[in-house]
Amino acid sequence: FHRSQGTVTLRHGNGNLVEGNLFIGGGEANTGGVRV
């Protein structure tokens, strides 16, 4: 995830897996990671 505003959001549902990802802000505002 490169220079992407927002997050990977586990918004609804259970038992999900987020693994081995690379999140790079690159100086961009509002770049985020994971919301649980």
PDB file of all heavy atoms in Angstrom:
ATOM      1  N   PHE A   1       0.866  -1.173   0.000  1.00  0.00           N
ATOM      2  CA  PHE A   1       0.000   0.000   0.000  1.00  0.00           C
ATOM      3  C   PHE A   1       0.906   1.227   0.000  1.00  0.00           C
ATOM      4  O   PHE A   1       1.578   1.509   0.997  1.00  0.00           O
ATOM      5  CB  PHE A   1      -0.911   0.002   1.227  1.00  0.00           C
ATOM      6  CG  PHE A   1      -1.828  -1.190   1.300  1.00  0.00           C
ATOM      7  CD1 PHE A   1      -1.389  -2.382   1.871  1.00  0.00           C
ATOM      8  CD2 PHE A   1      -3.110  -1.131   0.787  1.00  0.00           C
ATOM      9  CE1 PHE A   1      -2.216  -3.496   1.933  1.00  0.00           C
ATOM     10  CE2 PHE A   1      -3.946  -2.242   0.847  1.00  0.00           C
ATOM     11  CZ  PHE A   1      -3.498  -3.423   1.421  1.00  0.00           C
ATOM     12  N   HIS A   2       0.955   1.932  -1.131  1.00  0.00           N
ATOM     13  CA  HIS A   2       1.913   3.028  -1.316  1.00  0.00           C
ATOM     14  C   HIS A   2       1.175   4.347  -1.520  1.00  0.00           C
ATOM     15  O   HIS A   2       0.348   4.456  -2.425  1.00  0.00           O
ATOM     16  CB  HIS A   2       2.803   2.724  -2.524  1.00  0.00           C
ATOM     17  CG  HIS A   2       3.837   3.770  -2.785  1.00  0.00           C
ATOM     18  ND1 HIS A   2       4.190   4.178  -4.061  1.00  0.00           N
ATOM     19  CD2 HIS A   2       4.601   4.508  -1.940  1.00  0.00           C
ATOM     20  CE1 HIS A   2       5.125   5.102  -3.985  1.00  0.00           C
ATOM     21  NE2 HIS A   2       5.377   5.327  -2.713  1.00  0.00           N
ATOM     22  N   ARG A   3       1.458   5.328  -0.665  1.00  0.00           N
ATOM     23  CA  ARG A   3       0.871   6.661  -0.780  1.00  0.00           C
ATOM     24  C   ARG A   3      -0.649   6.586  -0.924  1.00  0.00           C
ATOM     25  O   ARG A   3      -1.254   7.326  -1.715  1.00  0.00           O
ATOM     26  CB  ARG A   3       1.487   7.414  -1.967  1.00  0.00           C
ATOM     27  CG  ARG A   3       2.978   7.686  -1.813  1.00  0.00           C
ATOM     28  CD  ARG A   3       3.573   8.267  -3.078  1.00  0.00           C
ATOM     29  NE  ARG A   3       2.980   9.566  -3.379  1.00  0.00           N
ATOM     30  CZ  ARG A   3       3.506  10.747  -3.039  1.00  0.00           C
ATOM     31  NH1 ARG A   3       4.655  10.780  -2.385  1.00  0.00           N
ATOM     32  NH2 ARG A   3       2.920  11.868  -3.346  1.00  0.00           N
ATOM     33  N   SER A   4      -1.265   5.713  -0.156  1.00  0.00           N
ATOM     34  CA  SER A   4      -2.713   5.526  -0.211  1.00  0.00           C
ATOM     35  C   SER A   4      -3.327   5.998   1.101  1.00  0.00           C
ATOM     36  O   SER A   4      -2.995   5.476   2.178  1.00  0.00           O
ATOM     37  CB  SER A   4      -3.060   4.056  -0.456  1.00  0.00           C
ATOM     38  OG  SER A   4      -2.650   3.652  -1.745  1.00  0.00           O
ATOM     39  N   GLN A   5      -4.215   6.979   1.010  1.00  0.00           N
ATOM     40  CA  GLN A   5      -4.880   7.475   2.205  1.00  0.00           C
ATOM     41  C   GLN A   5      -5.885   6.436   2.686  1.00  0.00           C
ATOM     42  O   GLN A   5      -6.585   5.822   1.894  1.00  0.00           O
ATOM     43  CB  GLN A   5      -5.594   8.790   1.901  1.00  0.00           C
ATOM     44  CG  GLN A   5      -4.665   9.910   1.477  1.00  0.00           C
ATOM     45  CD  GLN A   5      -5.401  11.214   1.239  1.00  0.00           C
ATOM     46  OE1 GLN A   5      -6.381  11.520   1.904  1.00  0.00           O
ATOM     47  NE2 GLN A   5      -4.925  11.991   0.279  1.00  0.00           N
ATOM     48  N   GLY A   6      -5.965   6.261   4.007  1.00  0.00           N
ATOM     49  CA  GLY A   6      -6.905   5.317   4.574  1.00  0.00           C
ATOM     50  C   GLY A   6      -6.230   4.074   5.097  1.00  0.00           C
ATOM     51  O   GLY A   6      -5.005   4.020   5.254  1.00  0.00           O
ATOM     52  N   THR A   7      -7.031   3.043   5.365  1.00  0.00           N
ATOM     53  CA  THR A   7      -6.541   1.833   6.017  1.00  0.00           C
ATOM     54  C   THR A   7      -7.182   0.581   5.427  1.00  0.00           C
ATOM     55  O   THR A   7      -8.200   0.646   4.740  1.00  0.00           O
ATOM     56  CB  THR A   7      -6.874   1.850   7.526  1.00  0.00           C
ATOM     57  OG1 THR A   7      -8.296   1.798   7.695  1.00  0.00           O
ATOM     58  CG2 THR A   7      -6.322   3.081   8.212  1.00  0.00           C
ATOM     59  N   VAL A   8      -6.577  -0.558   5.728  1.00  0.00           N
ATOM     60  CA  VAL A   8      -7.263  -1.845   5.618  1.00  0.00           C
ATOM     61  C   VAL A   8      -8.149  -1.935   6.855  1.00  0.00           C
ATOM     62  O   VAL A   8      -7.658  -1.944   7.989  1.00  0.00           O
ATOM     63  CB  VAL A   8      -6.267  -3.013   5.576  1.00  0.00           C
ATOM     64  CG1 VAL A   8      -7.004  -4.345   5.684  1.00  0.00           C
ATOM     65  CG2 VAL A   8      -5.435  -2.955   4.312  1.00  0.00           C
ATOM     66  N   THR A   9      -9.453  -1.967   6.655  1.00  0.00           N
ATOM     67  CA  THR A   9     -10.400  -1.871   7.760  1.00  0.00           C
ATOM     68  C   THR A   9     -11.172  -3.172   7.910  1.00  0.00           C
ATOM     69  O   THR A   9     -11.881  -3.588   6.987  1.00  0.00           O
ATOM     70  CB  THR A   9     -11.377  -0.705   7.528  1.00  0.00           C
ATOM     71  OG1 THR A   9     -10.636   0.509   7.384  1.00  0.00           O
ATOM     72  CG2 THR A   9     -12.340  -0.566   8.687  1.00  0.00           C
ATOM     73  N   LEU A  10     -11.039  -3.796   9.063  1.00  0.00           N
ATOM     74  CA  LEU A  10     -11.808  -5.004   9.376  1.00  0.00           C
ATOM     75  C   LEU A  10     -13.138  -4.526   9.956  1.00  0.00           C
ATOM     76  O   LEU A  10     -13.371  -4.557  11.159  1.00  0.00           O
ATOM     77  CB  LEU A  10     -11.024  -5.890  10.345  1.00  0.00           C
ATOM     78  CG  LEU A  10      -9.605  -6.235   9.871  1.00  0.00           C
ATOM     79  CD1 LEU A  10      -8.909  -7.160  10.874  1.00  0.00           C
ATOM     80  CD2 LEU A  10      -9.613  -6.863   8.478  1.00  0.00           C
ATOM     81  N   ARG A  11     -14.005  -4.065   9.064  1.00  0.00           N
ATOM     82  CA  ARG A  11     -15.182  -3.285   9.449  1.00  0.00           C
ATOM     83  C   ARG A  11     -16.288  -4.144  10.051  1.00  0.00           C
ATOM     84  O   ARG A  11     -16.910  -3.767  11.033  1.00  0.00           O
ATOM     85  CB  ARG A  11     -15.699  -2.537   8.210  1.00  0.00           C
ATOM     86  CG  ARG A  11     -16.857  -1.593   8.491  1.00  0.00           C
ATOM     87  CD  ARG A  11     -16.448  -0.461   9.403  1.00  0.00           C
ATOM     88  NE  ARG A  11     -17.589   0.397   9.714  1.00  0.00           N
ATOM     89  CZ  ARG A  11     -18.434   0.172  10.719  1.00  0.00           C
ATOM     90  NH1 ARG A  11     -18.272  -0.875  11.504  1.00  0.00           N
ATOM     91  NH2 ARG A  11     -19.441   1.003  10.937  1.00  0.00           N
ATOM     92  N   HIS A  12     -16.588  -5.274   9.421  1.00  0.00           N
ATOM     93  CA  HIS A  12     -17.584  -6.211   9.940  1.00  0.00           C
ATOM     94  C   HIS A  12     -17.055  -7.620   9.709  1.00  0.00           C
ATOM     95  O   HIS A  12     -16.205  -7.851   8.853  1.00  0.00           O
ATOM     96  CB  HIS A  12     -18.932  -6.060   9.234  1.00  0.00           C
ATOM     97  CG  HIS A  12     -19.541  -4.693   9.316  1.00  0.00           C
ATOM     98  ND1 HIS A  12     -19.882  -4.091  10.500  1.00  0.00           N
ATOM     99  CD2 HIS A  12     -19.868  -3.805   8.340  1.00  0.00           C
ATOM    100  CE1 HIS A  12     -20.400  -2.898  10.259  1.00  0.00           C
ATOM    101  NE2 HIS A  12     -20.403  -2.694   8.951  1.00  0.00           N
ATOM    102  N   GLY A  13     -17.615  -8.586  10.421  1.00  0.00           N
ATOM    103  CA  GLY A  13     -17.181  -9.966  10.235  1.00  0.00           C
ATOM    104  C   GLY A  13     -16.034 -10.315  11.165  1.00  0.00           C
ATOM    105  O   GLY A  13     -15.308  -9.444  11.661  1.00  0.00           O
ATOM    106  N   ASN A  14     -15.838 -11.615  11.351  1.00  0.00           N
ATOM    107  CA  ASN A  14     -14.884 -12.104  12.348  1.00  0.00           C
ATOM    108  C   ASN A  14     -13.857 -13.042  11.724  1.00  0.00           C
ATOM    109  O   ASN A  14     -14.050 -13.576  10.626  1.00  0.00           O
ATOM    110  CB  ASN A  14     -15.645 -12.852  13.453  1.00  0.00           C
ATOM    111  CG  ASN A  14     -16.742 -12.021  14.079  1.00  0.00           C
ATOM    112  OD1 ASN A  14     -16.524 -10.857  14.422  1.00  0.00           O
ATOM    113  ND2 ASN A  14     -17.930 -12.603  14.226  1.00  0.00           N
ATOM    114  N   GLY A  15     -12.763 -13.242  12.446  1.00  0.00           N
ATOM    115  CA  GLY A  15     -11.788 -14.247  12.056  1.00  0.00           C
ATOM    116  C   GLY A  15     -11.010 -13.936  10.803  1.00  0.00           C
ATOM    117  O   GLY A  15     -10.662 -14.842  10.039  1.00  0.00           O
ATOM    118  N   ASN A  16     -10.684 -12.670  10.576  1.00  0.00           N
ATOM    119  CA  ASN A  16      -9.897 -12.282   9.411  1.00  0.00           C
ATOM    120  C   ASN A  16      -8.413 -12.187   9.764  1.00  0.00           C
ATOM    121  O   ASN A  16      -8.043 -11.974  10.917  1.00  0.00           O
ATOM    122  CB  ASN A  16     -10.403 -10.947   8.867  1.00  0.00           C
ATOM    123  CG  ASN A  16     -11.833 -11.037   8.364  1.00  0.00           C
ATOM    124  OD1 ASN A  16     -12.092 -11.664   7.343  1.00  0.00           O
ATOM    125  ND2 ASN A  16     -12.760 -10.428   9.083  1.00  0.00           N
ATOM    126  N   LEU A  17      -7.569 -12.299   8.748  1.00  0.00           N
ATOM    127  CA  LEU A  17      -6.118 -12.286   8.929  1.00  0.00           C
ATOM    128  C   LEU A  17      -5.500 -11.232   8.010  1.00  0.00           C
ATOM    129  O   LEU A  17      -5.740 -11.237   6.796  1.00  0.00           O
ATOM    130  CB  LEU A  17      -5.535 -13.659   8.599  1.00  0.00           C
ATOM    131  CG  LEU A  17      -4.007 -13.777   8.531  1.00  0.00           C
ATOM    132  CD1 LEU A  17      -3.367 -13.488   9.895  1.00  0.00           C
ATOM    133  CD2 LEU A  17      -3.607 -15.173   8.052  1.00  0.00           C
ATOM    134  N   VAL A  18      -4.696 -10.344   8.594  1.00  0.00           N
ATOM    135  CA  VAL A  18      -3.930  -9.352   7.834  1.00  0.00           C
ATOM    136  C   VAL A  18      -2.462  -9.620   8.131  1.00  0.00           C
ATOM    137  O   VAL A  18      -2.005  -9.386   9.253  1.00  0.00           O
ATOM    138  CB  VAL A  18      -4.313  -7.910   8.229  1.00  0.00           C
ATOM    139  CG1 VAL A  18      -3.516  -6.899   7.408  1.00  0.00           C
ATOM    140  CG2 VAL A  18      -5.809  -7.682   8.053  1.00  0.00           C
ATOM    141  N   GLU A  19      -1.724 -10.119   7.143  1.00  0.00           N
ATOM    142  CA  GLU A  19      -0.343 -10.506   7.438  1.00  0.00           C
ATOM    143  C   GLU A  19       0.605 -10.207   6.281  1.00  0.00           C
ATOM    144  O   GLU A  19       0.250 -10.282   5.106  1.00  0.00           O
ATOM    145  CB  GLU A  19      -0.267 -11.998   7.774  1.00  0.00           C
ATOM    146  CG  GLU A  19      -0.526 -12.944   6.624  1.00  0.00           C
ATOM    147  CD  GLU A  19      -0.205 -14.391   6.971  1.00  0.00           C
ATOM    148  OE1 GLU A  19       0.327 -14.654   8.059  1.00  0.00           O
ATOM    149  OE2 GLU A  19      -0.507 -15.269   6.146  1.00  0.00           O
ATOM    150  N   GLY A  20       1.820  -9.840   6.665  1.00  0.00           N
ATOM    151  CA  GLY A  20       2.906  -9.729   5.704  1.00  0.00           C
ATOM    152  C   GLY A  20       2.747  -8.636   4.675  1.00  0.00           C
ATOM    153  O   GLY A  20       3.298  -8.728   3.577  1.00  0.00           O
ATOM    154  N   ASN A  21       2.002  -7.562   5.002  1.00  0.00           N
ATOM    155  CA  ASN A  21       1.813  -6.453   4.074  1.00  0.00           C
ATOM    156  C   ASN A  21       2.801  -5.331   4.367  1.00  0.00           C
ATOM    157  O   ASN A  21       3.304  -5.197   5.486  1.00  0.00           O
ATOM    158  CB  ASN A  21       0.388  -5.911   4.184  1.00  0.00           C
ATOM    159  CG  ASN A  21      -0.664  -6.963   3.910  1.00  0.00           C
ATOM    160  OD1 ASN A  21      -0.909  -7.322   2.770  1.00  0.00           O
ATOM    161  ND2 ASN A  21      -1.277  -7.487   4.970  1.00  0.00           N
ATOM    162  N   LEU A  22       3.035  -4.492   3.371  1.00  0.00           N
ATOM    163  CA  LEU A  22       3.905  -3.331   3.512  1.00  0.00           C
ATOM    164  C   LEU A  22       3.085  -2.073   3.237  1.00  0.00           C
ATOM    165  O   LEU A  22       2.497  -1.924   2.164  1.00  0.00           O
ATOM    166  CB  LEU A  22       5.078  -3.424   2.534  1.00  0.00           C
ATOM    167  CG  LEU A  22       6.036  -2.225   2.473  1.00  0.00           C
ATOM    168  CD1 LEU A  22       6.715  -1.997   3.819  1.00  0.00           C
ATOM    169  CD2 LEU A  22       7.078  -2.441   1.374  1.00  0.00           C
ATOM    170  N   PHE A  23       3.054  -1.176   4.219  1.00  0.00           N
ATOM    171  CA  PHE A  23       2.337   0.094   4.110  1.00  0.00           C
ATOM    172  C   PHE A  23       3.371   1.217   4.095  1.00  0.00           C
ATOM    173  O   PHE A  23       4.136   1.363   5.053  1.00  0.00           O
ATOM    174  CB  PHE A  23       1.395   0.287   5.294  1.00  0.00           C
ATOM    175  CG  PHE A  23       0.297  -0.740   5.407  1.00  0.00           C
ATOM    176  CD1 PHE A  23       0.547  -2.000   5.951  1.00  0.00           C
ATOM    177  CD2 PHE A  23      -1.000  -0.453   4.995  1.00  0.00           C
ATOM    178  CE1 PHE A  23      -0.465  -2.943   6.074  1.00  0.00           C
ATOM    179  CE2 PHE A  23      -2.014  -1.391   5.117  1.00  0.00           C
ATOM    180  CZ  PHE A  23      -1.748  -2.643   5.652  1.00  0.00           C
ATOM    181  N   ILE A  24       3.395   2.021   3.022  1.00  0.00           N
ATOM    182  CA  ILE A  24       4.377   3.091   2.880  1.00  0.00           C
ATOM    183  C   ILE A  24       3.644   4.405   2.648  1.00  0.00           C
ATOM    184  O   ILE A  24       2.923   4.560   1.653  1.00  0.00           O
ATOM    185  CB  ILE A  24       5.341   2.819   1.709  1.00  0.00           C
ATOM    186  CG1 ILE A  24       6.010   1.452   1.866  1.00  0.00           C
ATOM    187  CG2 ILE A  24       6.398   3.905   1.615  1.00  0.00           C
ATOM    188  CD1 ILE A  24       6.826   1.042   0.662  1.00  0.00           C
ATOM    189  N   GLY A  25       3.841   5.375   3.553  1.00  0.00           N
ATOM    190  CA  GLY A  25       3.142   6.651   3.428  1.00  0.00           C
ATOM    191  C   GLY A  25       3.693   7.551   2.353  1.00  0.00           C
ATOM    192  O   GLY A  25       2.948   8.273   1.706  1.00  0.00           O
ATOM    193  N   GLY A  26       5.010   7.564   2.178  1.00  0.00           N
ATOM    194  CA  GLY A  26       5.619   8.395   1.145  1.00  0.00           C
ATOM    195  C   GLY A  26       5.354   9.877   1.312  1.00  0.00           C
ATOM    196  O   GLY A  26       5.333  10.611   0.323  1.00  0.00           O
ATOM    197  N   GLY A  27       5.152  10.328   2.561  1.00  0.00           N
ATOM    198  CA  GLY A  27       4.913  11.739   2.804  1.00  0.00           C
ATOM    199  C   GLY A  27       3.490  12.193   2.577  1.00  0.00           C
ATOM    200  O   GLY A  27       3.169  13.369   2.748  1.00  0.00           O
ATOM    201  N   GLU A  28       2.598  11.292   2.192  1.00  0.00           N
ATOM    202  CA  GLU A  28       1.212  11.638   1.877  1.00  0.00           C
ATOM    203  C   GLU A  28       0.389  11.750   3.160  1.00  0.00           C
ATOM    204  O   GLU A  28       0.469  10.900   4.050  1.00  0.00           O
ATOM    205  CB  GLU A  28       0.608  10.568   0.972  1.00  0.00           C
ATOM    206  CG  GLU A  28      -0.739  10.915   0.393  1.00  0.00           C
ATOM    207  CD  GLU A  28      -0.637  11.841  -0.801  1.00  0.00           C
ATOM    208  OE1 GLU A  28       0.456  11.965  -1.380  1.00  0.00           O
ATOM    209  OE2 GLU A  28      -1.669  12.423  -1.159  1.00  0.00           O
ATOM    210  N   ALA A  29      -0.434  12.803   3.266  1.00  0.00           N
ATOM    211  CA  ALA A  29      -1.319  12.969   4.416  1.00  0.00           C
ATOM    212  C   ALA A  29      -2.341  11.842   4.478  1.00  0.00           C
ATOM    213  O   ALA A  29      -2.730  11.273   3.456  1.00  0.00           O
ATOM    214  CB  ALA A  29      -2.036  14.314   4.328  1.00  0.00           C
ATOM    215  N   ASN A  30      -2.764  11.502   5.703  1.00  0.00           N
ATOM    216  CA  ASN A  30      -3.846  10.543   5.952  1.00  0.00           C
ATOM    217  C   ASN A  30      -3.517   9.119   5.546  1.00  0.00           C
ATOM    218  O   ASN A  30      -4.412   8.275   5.461  1.00  0.00           O
ATOM    219  CB  ASN A  30      -5.141  10.977   5.242  1.00  0.00           C
ATOM    220  CG  ASN A  30      -5.587  12.360   5.653  1.00  0.00           C
ATOM    221  OD1 ASN A  30      -5.586  12.693   6.827  1.00  0.00           O
ATOM    222  ND2 ASN A  30      -5.948  13.177   4.681  1.00  0.00           N
ATOM    223  N   THR A  31      -2.255   8.816   5.284  1.00  0.00           N
ATOM    224  CA  THR A  31      -1.894   7.425   4.988  1.00  0.00           C
ATOM    225  C   THR A  31      -1.911   6.625   6.283  1.00  0.00           C
ATOM    226  O   THR A  31      -1.336   7.021   7.293  1.00  0.00           O
ATOM    227  CB  THR A  31      -0.509   7.364   4.330  1.00  0.00           C
ATOM    228  OG1 THR A  31       0.409   8.191   5.055  1.00  0.00           O
ATOM    229  CG2 THR A  31      -0.567   7.857   2.901  1.00  0.00           C
ATOM    230  N   GLY A  32      -2.596   5.478   6.247  1.00  0.00           N
ATOM    231  CA  GLY A  32      -2.769   4.681   7.448  1.00  0.00           C
ATOM    232  C   GLY A  32      -2.436   3.222   7.228  1.00  0.00           C
ATOM    233  O   GLY A  32      -1.930   2.827   6.166  1.00  0.00           O
ATOM    234  N   GLY A  33      -2.744   2.408   8.239  1.00  0.00           N
ATOM    235  CA  GLY A  33      -2.395   0.995   8.211  1.00  0.00           C
ATOM    236  C   GLY A  33      -3.602   0.087   8.322  1.00  0.00           C
ATOM    237  O   GLY A  33      -4.276  -0.199   7.335  1.00  0.00           O
ATOM    238  N   VAL A  34      -3.884  -0.374   9.560  1.00  0.00           N
ATOM    239  CA  VAL A  34      -4.957  -1.346   9.779  1.00  0.00           C
ATOM    240  C   VAL A  34      -5.860  -0.840  10.898  1.00  0.00           C
ATOM    241  O   VAL A  34      -5.388  -0.360  11.936  1.00  0.00           O
ATOM    242  CB  VAL A  34      -4.385  -2.726  10.156  1.00  0.00           C
ATOM    243  CG1 VAL A  34      -5.508  -3.716  10.427  1.00  0.00           C
ATOM    244  CG2 VAL A  34      -3.475  -3.248   9.048  1.00  0.00           C
ATOM    245  N   ARG A  35      -7.180  -0.972  10.687  1.00  0.00           N
ATOM    246  CA  ARG A  35      -8.167  -0.626  11.714  1.00  0.00           C
ATOM    247  C   ARG A  35      -8.959  -1.875  12.064  1.00  0.00           C
ATOM    248  O   ARG A  35      -9.507  -2.547  11.178  1.00  0.00           O
ATOM    249  CB  ARG A  35      -9.088   0.483  11.195  1.00  0.00           C
ATOM    250  CG  ARG A  35     -10.098   0.967  12.221  1.00  0.00           C
ATOM    251  CD  ARG A  35     -10.608   2.371  11.923  1.00  0.00           C
ATOM    252  NE  ARG A  35     -11.301   2.463  10.661  1.00  0.00           N
ATOM    253  CZ  ARG A  35     -12.616   2.715  10.535  1.00  0.00           C
ATOM    254  NH1 ARG A  35     -13.362   2.882  11.610  1.00  0.00           N
ATOM    255  NH2 ARG A  35     -13.167   2.812   9.343  1.00  0.00           N
ATOM    256  N   VAL A  36      -9.029  -2.186  13.369  1.00  0.00           N
ATOM    257  CA  VAL A  36      -9.595  -3.452  13.838  1.00  0.00           C
ATOM    258  C   VAL A  36     -10.908  -3.213  14.578  1.00  0.00           C
ATOM    259  O   VAL A  36     -10.995  -2.368  15.472  1.00  0.00           O
ATOM    260  CB  VAL A  36      -8.595  -4.174  14.763  1.00  0.00           C
ATOM    261  CG1 VAL A  36      -9.246  -5.383  15.417  1.00  0.00           C
ATOM    262  CG2 VAL A  36      -7.371  -4.612  13.962  1.00  0.00           C
TER     263      VAL A  36
END
